Amino acid sequence: MPKLATTFVLGYHGCDTRIADKVVGGASFTASRNDYDWLGTGVYFWEANPVRGLEFARELRARRRPGAGRVGRPAVVGAVIDLGFCLDLMSSSGLRALKDAHDDFVSYYREAGVAAPKNRLGTDLLLRNLDCAVINHLHAIRDAASLTPFQTVRGVFIEGERLYEGAGFFAKTHIQICVRDPACIKGVFRVPARDLADAD
C-alpha cells in the first residue's frame, strides 16, 4: 500500500482545557482504547475542522462521563500530522485491505462459534465495535507477519441529518484521523478563538 503523496495535514483534537494546556506544554496525547472507536486504537483528530473538534468536546461535556476523559471546559488542540504509512480508507487499496481483514476476522469467530461484535446505536452507528475490532485485527495481522505497521488510519464519515431536504450532503460529514505512531504528530498548537467562531 503506497504512502500518500501529500502527507501533512492539520488535525484538531477536542478535549478539556486542562488536557489542551498539558499537550501544548509538551505532554503526550493519550491513545483512545475504547472497543467502539471508529478507526481502532489511537489518538483521534478531525481533519481540517477545528469547529467540529470543539463541537465534539462540547458533546463530551454534555455526557458528563466520569474519569480522565471528562470535559469540564471544552478546548481544541491543533496538530500538524504527517500521515506517514497510512491505512487510507478513502482509497481502493485501503478499503480492500480492510475487507480482507474483515473476512479473516469473521472466520475466526465463526470457527469459535461466537457472535462477532456489531456496530450499533442509531442510524449513524455511533458505537463502532465491529469496525474497531476489524481495524485492530488488521494491525495484528500485519504485526504477526512482520509487515510495516500503519502509522495512521484515515476515513471519511457521512454522519448526521441531511443538510436540507433532498440533499446528498449531511450535517456532520467529516474526515477523521487516528494516529497510532506518536512520531507522526510533528507539532501542536492552541486553536485561536477566531477559528472556532462558527461553533457559537
N, C-alpha and C. Protein backbone atom coordinates (compact mmCIF):
# COMPACT_ATOMS: atom_id res chain seq x y z
N MET A 1 0.85 -1.17 0.00
CA MET A 1 0.00 0.00 0.00
C MET A 1 0.89 1.23 0.00
N PRO A 2 0.78 2.11 -0.99
CA PRO A 2 1.69 3.24 -1.10
C PRO A 2 1.43 4.31 -0.06
N LYS A 3 2.49 5.03 0.28
CA LYS A 3 2.38 6.19 1.16
C LYS A 3 1.63 7.28 0.39
N LEU A 4 0.80 8.05 1.08
CA LEU A 4 0.08 9.14 0.41
C LEU A 4 1.08 10.15 -0.13
N ALA A 5 0.76 10.73 -1.29
CA ALA A 5 1.66 11.70 -1.91
C ALA A 5 1.77 12.96 -1.06
N THR A 6 0.66 13.46 -0.57
CA THR A 6 0.67 14.63 0.30
C THR A 6 0.44 14.13 1.72
N THR A 7 1.45 14.25 2.55
CA THR A 7 1.35 13.58 3.84
C THR A 7 1.01 14.50 5.01
N PHE A 8 1.24 15.79 4.90
CA PHE A 8 1.00 16.66 6.04
C PHE A 8 -0.42 17.22 6.02
N VAL A 9 -1.12 17.08 7.15
CA VAL A 9 -2.46 17.62 7.29
C VAL A 9 -2.56 18.30 8.66
N LEU A 10 -3.56 19.14 8.81
CA LEU A 10 -3.86 19.72 10.11
C LEU A 10 -5.02 18.94 10.71
N GLY A 11 -4.84 18.51 11.95
CA GLY A 11 -5.89 17.79 12.66
C GLY A 11 -6.25 18.54 13.93
N TYR A 12 -7.47 18.32 14.40
CA TYR A 12 -7.95 19.05 15.57
C TYR A 12 -8.56 18.07 16.58
N HIS A 13 -8.10 18.19 17.81
CA HIS A 13 -8.47 17.26 18.88
C HIS A 13 -9.28 18.00 19.93
N GLY A 14 -10.55 17.62 20.08
CA GLY A 14 -11.41 18.23 21.10
C GLY A 14 -11.18 17.58 22.45
N CYS A 15 -11.04 18.40 23.49
CA CYS A 15 -10.73 17.86 24.82
C CYS A 15 -11.04 18.92 25.87
N ASP A 16 -10.70 18.61 27.12
CA ASP A 16 -10.84 19.57 28.21
C ASP A 16 -9.66 20.55 28.18
N THR A 17 -9.88 21.75 28.66
CA THR A 17 -8.84 22.78 28.68
C THR A 17 -7.57 22.32 29.39
N ARG A 18 -7.73 21.59 30.50
CA ARG A 18 -6.53 21.16 31.25
C ARG A 18 -5.69 20.19 30.42
N ILE A 19 -6.34 19.34 29.61
CA ILE A 19 -5.62 18.43 28.73
C ILE A 19 -4.93 19.23 27.62
N ALA A 20 -5.67 20.19 27.06
CA ALA A 20 -5.09 21.03 26.00
C ALA A 20 -3.84 21.74 26.50
N ASP A 21 -3.90 22.30 27.70
CA ASP A 21 -2.75 23.00 28.25
C ASP A 21 -1.55 22.07 28.44
N LYS A 22 -1.82 20.85 28.92
CA LYS A 22 -0.74 19.89 29.12
C LYS A 22 -0.09 19.49 27.80
N VAL A 23 -0.90 19.22 26.79
CA VAL A 23 -0.37 18.77 25.50
C VAL A 23 0.43 19.88 24.83
N VAL A 24 -0.11 21.10 24.85
CA VAL A 24 0.62 22.23 24.26
C VAL A 24 1.90 22.49 25.06
N GLY A 25 1.88 22.16 26.34
CA GLY A 25 3.06 22.33 27.19
C GLY A 25 4.09 21.21 27.04
N GLY A 26 3.81 20.21 26.20
CA GLY A 26 4.80 19.17 25.95
C GLY A 26 4.39 17.76 26.31
N ALA A 27 3.25 17.59 26.99
CA ALA A 27 2.79 16.23 27.34
C ALA A 27 2.32 15.50 26.08
N SER A 28 2.32 14.19 26.15
CA SER A 28 1.87 13.38 25.02
C SER A 28 0.36 13.20 25.06
N PHE A 29 -0.23 13.04 23.89
CA PHE A 29 -1.64 12.66 23.82
C PHE A 29 -1.79 11.24 24.36
N THR A 30 -2.94 10.95 24.90
CA THR A 30 -3.25 9.59 25.36
C THR A 30 -4.10 8.90 24.30
N ALA A 31 -3.69 7.74 23.87
CA ALA A 31 -4.43 7.00 22.85
C ALA A 31 -5.76 6.52 23.41
N SER A 32 -6.79 6.58 22.58
CA SER A 32 -8.10 6.05 22.94
C SER A 32 -8.09 4.54 22.68
N ARG A 33 -8.62 3.79 23.63
CA ARG A 33 -8.64 2.33 23.52
C ARG A 33 -10.04 1.75 23.73
N ASN A 34 -11.05 2.55 23.43
CA ASN A 34 -12.42 2.06 23.55
C ASN A 34 -12.68 0.99 22.50
N ASP A 35 -13.49 0.00 22.83
CA ASP A 35 -13.76 -1.06 21.85
C ASP A 35 -14.79 -0.64 20.81
N TYR A 36 -15.25 0.62 20.89
CA TYR A 36 -16.21 1.14 19.90
C TYR A 36 -15.63 2.30 19.08
N ASP A 37 -14.34 2.59 19.22
CA ASP A 37 -13.72 3.68 18.46
C ASP A 37 -13.82 3.41 16.96
N TRP A 38 -14.07 4.43 16.20
CA TRP A 38 -14.40 4.27 14.78
C TRP A 38 -13.23 3.79 13.93
N LEU A 39 -12.01 4.13 14.30
CA LEU A 39 -10.84 3.76 13.50
C LEU A 39 -9.82 2.95 14.29
N GLY A 40 -10.26 2.28 15.33
CA GLY A 40 -9.34 1.46 16.12
C GLY A 40 -8.60 2.28 17.17
N THR A 41 -7.61 1.67 17.77
CA THR A 41 -6.84 2.28 18.85
C THR A 41 -5.93 3.38 18.34
N GLY A 42 -5.91 4.52 19.03
CA GLY A 42 -5.02 5.62 18.66
C GLY A 42 -5.52 6.96 19.16
N VAL A 43 -4.86 8.02 18.73
CA VAL A 43 -5.23 9.39 19.09
C VAL A 43 -6.04 9.97 17.94
N TYR A 44 -7.19 10.54 18.25
CA TYR A 44 -8.15 10.97 17.24
C TYR A 44 -8.12 12.47 16.95
N PHE A 45 -8.25 12.78 15.66
CA PHE A 45 -8.27 14.16 15.19
C PHE A 45 -9.34 14.32 14.10
N TRP A 46 -9.93 15.50 14.06
CA TRP A 46 -10.82 15.89 12.97
C TRP A 46 -9.95 16.60 11.94
N GLU A 47 -9.88 16.09 10.73
CA GLU A 47 -9.03 16.70 9.73
C GLU A 47 -9.62 18.01 9.24
N ALA A 48 -8.80 19.09 9.30
CA ALA A 48 -9.14 20.41 8.75
C ALA A 48 -10.46 20.97 9.29
N ASN A 49 -10.81 20.63 10.55
CA ASN A 49 -12.12 21.01 11.06
C ASN A 49 -12.07 21.34 12.55
N PRO A 50 -11.51 22.52 12.91
CA PRO A 50 -11.42 22.87 14.32
C PRO A 50 -12.79 23.04 14.99
N VAL A 51 -13.77 23.53 14.23
CA VAL A 51 -15.10 23.73 14.79
C VAL A 51 -15.71 22.40 15.22
N ARG A 52 -15.54 21.37 14.39
CA ARG A 52 -16.07 20.05 14.76
C ARG A 52 -15.35 19.51 16.00
N GLY A 53 -14.07 19.84 16.14
CA GLY A 53 -13.34 19.45 17.35
C GLY A 53 -13.97 20.05 18.59
N LEU A 54 -14.35 21.34 18.51
CA LEU A 54 -14.98 21.99 19.66
C LEU A 54 -16.37 21.42 19.90
N GLU A 55 -17.13 21.19 18.82
CA GLU A 55 -18.46 20.59 18.98
C GLU A 55 -18.37 19.24 19.68
N PHE A 56 -17.37 18.45 19.30
CA PHE A 56 -17.20 17.13 19.92
C PHE A 56 -16.88 17.26 21.41
N ALA A 57 -15.98 18.19 21.75
CA ALA A 57 -15.65 18.41 23.16
C ALA A 57 -16.89 18.83 23.95
N ARG A 58 -17.74 19.62 23.33
CA ARG A 58 -18.98 20.03 23.99
C ARG A 58 -19.93 18.84 24.15
N GLU A 59 -19.95 17.96 23.15
CA GLU A 59 -20.77 16.75 23.26
C GLU A 59 -20.29 15.88 24.41
N LEU A 60 -18.97 15.77 24.57
CA LEU A 60 -18.42 15.01 25.69
C LEU A 60 -18.80 15.63 27.03
N ARG A 61 -18.76 16.96 27.09
CA ARG A 61 -19.15 17.65 28.34
C ARG A 61 -20.61 17.36 28.67
N ALA A 62 -21.46 17.36 27.66
CA ALA A 62 -22.89 17.11 27.87
C ALA A 62 -23.15 15.70 28.40
N ARG A 63 -22.29 14.75 28.02
CA ARG A 63 -22.46 13.36 28.51
C ARG A 63 -22.05 13.21 29.96
N ARG A 64 -21.26 14.18 30.46
CA ARG A 64 -20.80 14.19 31.86
C ARG A 64 -20.22 12.84 32.28
N ARG A 65 -19.40 12.27 31.42
CA ARG A 65 -18.82 10.99 31.78
C ARG A 65 -17.72 11.17 32.81
N PRO A 66 -17.61 10.23 33.74
CA PRO A 66 -16.61 10.35 34.80
C PRO A 66 -15.22 9.96 34.31
N GLY A 67 -14.22 10.28 35.13
CA GLY A 67 -12.86 9.80 34.85
C GLY A 67 -12.02 10.78 34.07
N ALA A 68 -10.90 10.26 33.57
CA ALA A 68 -9.88 11.08 32.92
C ALA A 68 -10.38 11.75 31.65
N GLY A 69 -11.36 11.14 30.97
CA GLY A 69 -11.85 11.71 29.72
C GLY A 69 -12.93 12.75 29.89
N ARG A 70 -13.25 13.12 31.13
CA ARG A 70 -14.33 14.08 31.38
C ARG A 70 -13.94 15.47 30.87
N VAL A 71 -14.90 16.15 30.28
CA VAL A 71 -14.67 17.50 29.78
C VAL A 71 -15.49 18.48 30.61
N GLY A 72 -14.81 19.42 31.26
CA GLY A 72 -15.47 20.48 32.01
C GLY A 72 -15.51 21.77 31.21
N ARG A 73 -14.34 22.16 30.67
CA ARG A 73 -14.23 23.35 29.82
C ARG A 73 -13.68 22.92 28.47
N PRO A 74 -14.52 22.87 27.44
CA PRO A 74 -14.09 22.39 26.12
C PRO A 74 -12.99 23.26 25.50
N ALA A 75 -12.07 22.58 24.83
CA ALA A 75 -10.96 23.25 24.14
C ALA A 75 -10.59 22.42 22.92
N VAL A 76 -9.77 23.01 22.07
CA VAL A 76 -9.30 22.31 20.87
C VAL A 76 -7.80 22.50 20.74
N VAL A 77 -7.10 21.39 20.51
CA VAL A 77 -5.67 21.42 20.22
C VAL A 77 -5.49 21.11 18.75
N GLY A 78 -4.77 21.96 18.05
CA GLY A 78 -4.43 21.68 16.65
C GLY A 78 -3.12 20.92 16.58
N ALA A 79 -2.96 20.12 15.54
CA ALA A 79 -1.72 19.36 15.38
C ALA A 79 -1.34 19.28 13.90
N VAL A 80 -0.05 19.38 13.65
CA VAL A 80 0.50 19.10 12.33
C VAL A 80 0.82 17.62 12.31
N ILE A 81 0.16 16.90 11.40
CA ILE A 81 0.27 15.44 11.36
C ILE A 81 0.87 15.00 10.03
N ASP A 82 1.90 14.18 10.12
CA ASP A 82 2.43 13.50 8.94
C ASP A 82 1.72 12.15 8.87
N LEU A 83 0.89 11.94 7.87
CA LEU A 83 0.12 10.70 7.77
C LEU A 83 1.02 9.48 7.63
N GLY A 84 2.24 9.68 7.14
CA GLY A 84 3.19 8.58 7.05
C GLY A 84 2.64 7.39 6.28
N PHE A 85 2.86 6.19 6.81
CA PHE A 85 2.31 4.98 6.19
C PHE A 85 0.88 4.83 6.70
N CYS A 86 -0.07 5.22 5.86
CA CYS A 86 -1.45 5.42 6.28
C CYS A 86 -2.38 4.35 5.73
N LEU A 87 -3.22 3.81 6.58
CA LEU A 87 -4.34 2.99 6.13
C LEU A 87 -5.43 3.98 5.74
N ASP A 88 -5.47 4.33 4.47
CA ASP A 88 -6.37 5.36 3.96
C ASP A 88 -7.66 4.69 3.49
N LEU A 89 -8.72 4.86 4.25
CA LEU A 89 -9.99 4.22 3.93
C LEU A 89 -10.81 5.06 2.94
N MET A 90 -10.13 5.97 2.27
CA MET A 90 -10.72 6.67 1.13
C MET A 90 -10.05 6.20 -0.16
N SER A 91 -9.20 5.20 -0.05
CA SER A 91 -8.53 4.65 -1.23
C SER A 91 -8.99 3.21 -1.47
N SER A 92 -8.93 2.78 -2.71
CA SER A 92 -9.34 1.42 -3.06
C SER A 92 -8.49 0.38 -2.34
N SER A 93 -7.17 0.62 -2.26
CA SER A 93 -6.29 -0.36 -1.63
C SER A 93 -6.56 -0.44 -0.13
N GLY A 94 -6.83 0.68 0.50
CA GLY A 94 -7.13 0.67 1.93
C GLY A 94 -8.43 -0.07 2.22
N LEU A 95 -9.45 0.18 1.40
CA LEU A 95 -10.73 -0.48 1.59
C LEU A 95 -10.62 -1.98 1.35
N ARG A 96 -9.83 -2.36 0.35
CA ARG A 96 -9.64 -3.79 0.06
C ARG A 96 -8.93 -4.49 1.22
N ALA A 97 -7.92 -3.84 1.79
CA ALA A 97 -7.20 -4.42 2.93
C ALA A 97 -8.15 -4.61 4.11
N LEU A 98 -9.02 -3.64 4.33
CA LEU A 98 -9.97 -3.74 5.45
C LEU A 98 -10.99 -4.84 5.21
N LYS A 99 -11.47 -4.96 3.98
CA LYS A 99 -12.43 -6.03 3.65
C LYS A 99 -11.80 -7.40 3.86
N ASP A 100 -10.56 -7.57 3.43
CA ASP A 100 -9.86 -8.85 3.63
C ASP A 100 -9.69 -9.15 5.12
N ALA A 101 -9.37 -8.11 5.90
CA ALA A 101 -9.22 -8.30 7.35
C ALA A 101 -10.55 -8.70 7.97
N HIS A 102 -11.64 -8.10 7.48
CA HIS A 102 -12.96 -8.45 8.00
C HIS A 102 -13.28 -9.91 7.73
N ASP A 103 -13.01 -10.37 6.51
CA ASP A 103 -13.29 -11.76 6.16
C ASP A 103 -12.52 -12.71 7.07
N ASP A 104 -11.25 -12.38 7.34
CA ASP A 104 -10.42 -13.20 8.22
C ASP A 104 -10.95 -13.16 9.65
N PHE A 105 -11.31 -11.97 10.09
CA PHE A 105 -11.83 -11.76 11.45
C PHE A 105 -13.10 -12.58 11.68
N VAL A 106 -14.03 -12.51 10.73
CA VAL A 106 -15.30 -13.22 10.86
C VAL A 106 -15.08 -14.72 10.86
N SER A 107 -14.11 -15.20 10.09
CA SER A 107 -13.85 -16.64 10.05
C SER A 107 -13.40 -17.16 11.43
N TYR A 108 -12.62 -16.37 12.15
CA TYR A 108 -12.19 -16.76 13.50
C TYR A 108 -13.41 -16.91 14.42
N TYR A 109 -14.31 -15.95 14.37
CA TYR A 109 -15.49 -16.00 15.21
C TYR A 109 -16.40 -17.16 14.82
N ARG A 110 -16.53 -17.40 13.52
CA ARG A 110 -17.37 -18.50 13.05
C ARG A 110 -16.83 -19.83 13.54
N GLU A 111 -15.52 -20.02 13.42
CA GLU A 111 -14.89 -21.27 13.87
C GLU A 111 -15.04 -21.47 15.37
N ALA A 112 -15.05 -20.36 16.11
CA ALA A 112 -15.19 -20.44 17.57
C ALA A 112 -16.64 -20.58 18.00
N GLY A 113 -17.57 -20.38 17.05
CA GLY A 113 -18.99 -20.46 17.37
C GLY A 113 -19.48 -19.31 18.22
N VAL A 114 -18.83 -18.17 18.05
CA VAL A 114 -19.16 -16.98 18.84
C VAL A 114 -19.61 -15.87 17.89
N ALA A 115 -20.59 -15.07 18.33
CA ALA A 115 -21.06 -13.95 17.51
C ALA A 115 -20.02 -12.84 17.49
N ALA A 116 -19.73 -12.32 16.31
CA ALA A 116 -18.79 -11.20 16.17
C ALA A 116 -19.44 -9.92 16.69
N PRO A 117 -18.64 -8.96 17.11
CA PRO A 117 -19.21 -7.67 17.54
C PRO A 117 -19.94 -6.99 16.39
N LYS A 118 -20.83 -6.08 16.75
CA LYS A 118 -21.61 -5.34 15.75
C LYS A 118 -21.51 -3.85 16.00
N ASN A 119 -21.64 -3.07 14.92
CA ASN A 119 -21.80 -1.63 15.06
C ASN A 119 -23.24 -1.38 15.51
N ARG A 120 -23.43 -0.34 16.34
CA ARG A 120 -24.77 -0.13 16.88
C ARG A 120 -24.98 1.32 17.31
N LEU A 121 -26.16 1.62 17.69
CA LEU A 121 -26.64 2.89 18.24
C LEU A 121 -27.00 3.91 17.15
N GLY A 122 -28.25 3.89 16.77
CA GLY A 122 -28.80 4.88 15.85
C GLY A 122 -28.41 4.66 14.40
N THR A 123 -28.96 5.53 13.56
CA THR A 123 -28.68 5.42 12.12
C THR A 123 -27.23 5.72 11.79
N ASP A 124 -26.54 6.49 12.64
CA ASP A 124 -25.12 6.79 12.42
C ASP A 124 -24.20 5.70 12.97
N LEU A 125 -24.77 4.71 13.67
CA LEU A 125 -23.97 3.64 14.28
C LEU A 125 -22.83 4.24 15.10
N LEU A 126 -23.19 4.98 16.12
CA LEU A 126 -22.20 5.74 16.90
C LEU A 126 -21.21 4.86 17.65
N LEU A 127 -21.60 3.63 17.97
CA LEU A 127 -20.68 2.71 18.63
C LEU A 127 -20.23 1.69 17.60
N ARG A 128 -18.99 1.84 17.13
CA ARG A 128 -18.49 1.04 16.00
C ARG A 128 -17.65 -0.14 16.48
N ASN A 129 -18.24 -1.02 17.28
CA ASN A 129 -17.49 -2.16 17.83
C ASN A 129 -16.93 -3.06 16.75
N LEU A 130 -17.72 -3.32 15.70
CA LEU A 130 -17.24 -4.19 14.62
C LEU A 130 -16.08 -3.54 13.88
N ASP A 131 -16.26 -2.29 13.45
CA ASP A 131 -15.21 -1.61 12.68
C ASP A 131 -13.92 -1.51 13.50
N CYS A 132 -14.06 -1.17 14.77
CA CYS A 132 -12.88 -1.05 15.64
C CYS A 132 -12.14 -2.38 15.72
N ALA A 133 -12.90 -3.46 15.93
CA ALA A 133 -12.28 -4.78 16.06
C ALA A 133 -11.60 -5.21 14.77
N VAL A 134 -12.24 -4.93 13.63
CA VAL A 134 -11.66 -5.33 12.34
C VAL A 134 -10.37 -4.55 12.06
N ILE A 135 -10.38 -3.24 12.32
CA ILE A 135 -9.18 -2.43 12.09
C ILE A 135 -8.05 -2.90 13.01
N ASN A 136 -8.36 -3.13 14.27
CA ASN A 136 -7.33 -3.62 15.19
C ASN A 136 -6.84 -5.01 14.77
N HIS A 137 -7.73 -5.82 14.21
CA HIS A 137 -7.35 -7.14 13.71
C HIS A 137 -6.38 -7.00 12.53
N LEU A 138 -6.65 -6.04 11.65
CA LEU A 138 -5.74 -5.80 10.52
C LEU A 138 -4.35 -5.42 11.03
N HIS A 139 -4.28 -4.58 12.04
CA HIS A 139 -2.99 -4.22 12.63
C HIS A 139 -2.29 -5.47 13.19
N ALA A 140 -3.06 -6.32 13.86
CA ALA A 140 -2.49 -7.54 14.45
C ALA A 140 -1.97 -8.49 13.38
N ILE A 141 -2.70 -8.61 12.26
CA ILE A 141 -2.26 -9.45 11.14
C ILE A 141 -0.91 -8.96 10.63
N ARG A 142 -0.79 -7.66 10.45
CA ARG A 142 0.46 -7.09 9.94
C ARG A 142 1.60 -7.29 10.94
N ASP A 143 1.31 -7.12 12.22
CA ASP A 143 2.34 -7.35 13.25
C ASP A 143 2.82 -8.79 13.21
N ALA A 144 1.87 -9.73 13.13
CA ALA A 144 2.22 -11.15 13.14
C ALA A 144 3.05 -11.54 11.92
N ALA A 145 2.82 -10.85 10.81
CA ALA A 145 3.56 -11.14 9.57
C ALA A 145 4.81 -10.29 9.43
N SER A 146 5.13 -9.50 10.46
CA SER A 146 6.30 -8.59 10.44
C SER A 146 6.26 -7.63 9.25
N LEU A 147 5.05 -7.17 8.93
CA LEU A 147 4.87 -6.16 7.88
C LEU A 147 4.94 -4.77 8.51
N THR A 148 5.26 -3.79 7.69
CA THR A 148 5.33 -2.41 8.17
C THR A 148 4.01 -2.02 8.82
N PRO A 149 4.03 -1.53 10.05
CA PRO A 149 2.77 -1.15 10.71
C PRO A 149 2.24 0.17 10.16
N PHE A 150 0.93 0.26 10.11
CA PHE A 150 0.31 1.53 9.74
C PHE A 150 0.54 2.53 10.86
N GLN A 151 0.95 3.74 10.48
CA GLN A 151 1.20 4.78 11.46
C GLN A 151 -0.06 5.58 11.76
N THR A 152 -0.94 5.67 10.76
CA THR A 152 -2.19 6.40 10.91
C THR A 152 -3.29 5.66 10.17
N VAL A 153 -4.53 5.97 10.53
CA VAL A 153 -5.70 5.48 9.83
C VAL A 153 -6.56 6.70 9.52
N ARG A 154 -7.12 6.74 8.32
CA ARG A 154 -7.87 7.92 7.89
C ARG A 154 -9.14 7.48 7.19
N GLY A 155 -10.27 8.08 7.57
CA GLY A 155 -11.54 7.71 6.94
C GLY A 155 -12.49 8.88 6.87
N VAL A 156 -13.40 8.79 5.91
CA VAL A 156 -14.46 9.79 5.77
C VAL A 156 -15.74 9.19 6.32
N PHE A 157 -16.52 10.00 7.03
CA PHE A 157 -17.76 9.52 7.64
C PHE A 157 -18.92 10.44 7.27
N ILE A 158 -19.96 9.83 6.72
CA ILE A 158 -21.20 10.54 6.40
C ILE A 158 -22.06 10.41 7.64
N GLU A 159 -22.34 11.53 8.29
CA GLU A 159 -22.99 11.47 9.59
C GLU A 159 -23.96 12.63 9.75
N GLY A 160 -25.00 12.42 10.55
CA GLY A 160 -25.94 13.48 10.87
C GLY A 160 -27.14 13.51 9.93
N GLU A 161 -27.95 14.54 10.11
CA GLU A 161 -29.15 14.73 9.29
C GLU A 161 -28.77 15.27 7.91
N ARG A 162 -29.66 15.07 6.94
CA ARG A 162 -29.44 15.70 5.62
C ARG A 162 -29.37 17.22 5.82
N LEU A 163 -28.46 17.84 5.08
CA LEU A 163 -28.22 19.28 5.25
C LEU A 163 -29.47 20.11 4.93
N TYR A 164 -30.24 19.66 3.97
CA TYR A 164 -31.52 20.27 3.61
C TYR A 164 -32.34 19.20 2.91
N GLU A 165 -33.60 19.42 2.72
CA GLU A 165 -34.48 18.42 2.14
C GLU A 165 -33.99 17.98 0.76
N GLY A 166 -33.81 16.68 0.58
CA GLY A 166 -33.36 16.13 -0.69
C GLY A 166 -31.86 16.22 -0.91
N ALA A 167 -31.12 16.72 0.09
CA ALA A 167 -29.67 16.91 -0.07
C ALA A 167 -28.93 15.58 -0.08
N GLY A 168 -27.81 15.58 -0.78
CA GLY A 168 -26.88 14.46 -0.72
C GLY A 168 -25.75 14.74 0.26
N PHE A 169 -25.86 15.84 1.01
CA PHE A 169 -24.86 16.25 1.99
C PHE A 169 -25.46 16.11 3.39
N PHE A 170 -24.60 15.83 4.36
CA PHE A 170 -25.08 15.59 5.72
C PHE A 170 -24.35 16.51 6.70
N ALA A 171 -25.06 16.88 7.76
CA ALA A 171 -24.61 17.96 8.64
C ALA A 171 -23.30 17.68 9.38
N LYS A 172 -22.98 16.42 9.63
CA LYS A 172 -21.78 16.12 10.40
C LYS A 172 -20.74 15.32 9.60
N THR A 173 -20.81 15.37 8.29
CA THR A 173 -19.82 14.67 7.48
C THR A 173 -18.42 15.20 7.81
N HIS A 174 -17.47 14.27 7.94
CA HIS A 174 -16.13 14.69 8.34
C HIS A 174 -15.09 13.65 7.95
N ILE A 175 -13.83 14.07 8.01
CA ILE A 175 -12.70 13.16 7.85
C ILE A 175 -12.04 13.05 9.21
N GLN A 176 -11.83 11.82 9.63
CA GLN A 176 -11.21 11.57 10.92
C GLN A 176 -9.86 10.88 10.71
N ILE A 177 -8.94 11.21 11.57
CA ILE A 177 -7.61 10.60 11.55
C ILE A 177 -7.34 9.97 12.91
N CYS A 178 -6.85 8.76 12.88
CA CYS A 178 -6.43 8.07 14.10
C CYS A 178 -4.91 7.88 14.00
N VAL A 179 -4.18 8.51 14.89
CA VAL A 179 -2.72 8.43 14.88
C VAL A 179 -2.29 7.31 15.82
N ARG A 180 -1.60 6.32 15.26
CA ARG A 180 -1.10 5.18 16.04
C ARG A 180 0.35 5.39 16.46
N ASP A 181 1.12 6.09 15.65
CA ASP A 181 2.53 6.35 15.93
C ASP A 181 2.69 7.81 16.37
N PRO A 182 2.97 8.07 17.64
CA PRO A 182 3.09 9.45 18.12
C PRO A 182 4.10 10.29 17.36
N ALA A 183 5.10 9.65 16.72
CA ALA A 183 6.10 10.40 15.95
C ALA A 183 5.48 11.11 14.76
N CYS A 184 4.27 10.73 14.37
CA CYS A 184 3.59 11.39 13.25
C CYS A 184 3.04 12.76 13.63
N ILE A 185 2.95 13.05 14.93
CA ILE A 185 2.49 14.36 15.38
C ILE A 185 3.72 15.26 15.47
N LYS A 186 3.83 16.17 14.51
CA LYS A 186 5.05 16.99 14.36
C LYS A 186 5.03 18.28 15.16
N GLY A 187 3.85 18.71 15.58
CA GLY A 187 3.75 19.93 16.36
C GLY A 187 2.31 20.13 16.80
N VAL A 188 2.13 20.86 17.90
CA VAL A 188 0.78 21.12 18.40
C VAL A 188 0.64 22.61 18.70
N PHE A 189 -0.61 23.07 18.72
CA PHE A 189 -0.88 24.49 18.99
C PHE A 189 -2.30 24.65 19.51
N ARG A 190 -2.53 25.73 20.28
CA ARG A 190 -3.89 26.07 20.70
C ARG A 190 -4.56 26.76 19.53
N VAL A 191 -5.80 26.41 19.30
CA VAL A 191 -6.55 26.98 18.18
C VAL A 191 -7.08 28.35 18.59
N PRO A 192 -6.79 29.41 17.81
CA PRO A 192 -7.28 30.75 18.15
C PRO A 192 -8.80 30.80 18.17
N ALA A 193 -9.36 31.63 19.04
CA ALA A 193 -10.82 31.74 19.19
C ALA A 193 -11.50 32.10 17.87
N ARG A 194 -10.81 32.90 17.03
CA ARG A 194 -11.43 33.31 15.77
C ARG A 194 -11.70 32.10 14.86
N ASP A 195 -10.92 31.04 15.01
CA ASP A 195 -11.11 29.85 14.17
C ASP A 195 -12.23 28.97 14.69
N LEU A 196 -12.75 29.30 15.86
CA LEU A 196 -13.82 28.50 16.46
C LEU A 196 -15.14 29.26 16.51
N ALA A 197 -15.17 30.46 15.88
CA ALA A 197 -16.34 31.32 15.97
C ALA A 197 -17.60 30.65 15.41
N ASP A 198 -17.46 29.80 14.41
CA ASP A 198 -18.63 29.16 13.80
C ASP A 198 -19.33 28.21 14.74
N ALA A 199 -18.67 27.82 15.83
CA ALA A 199 -19.27 26.86 16.77
C ALA A 199 -20.19 27.57 17.76
N ASP A 200 -20.20 28.89 17.77
CA ASP A 200 -21.02 29.63 18.75
C ASP A 200 -22.41 29.93 18.20
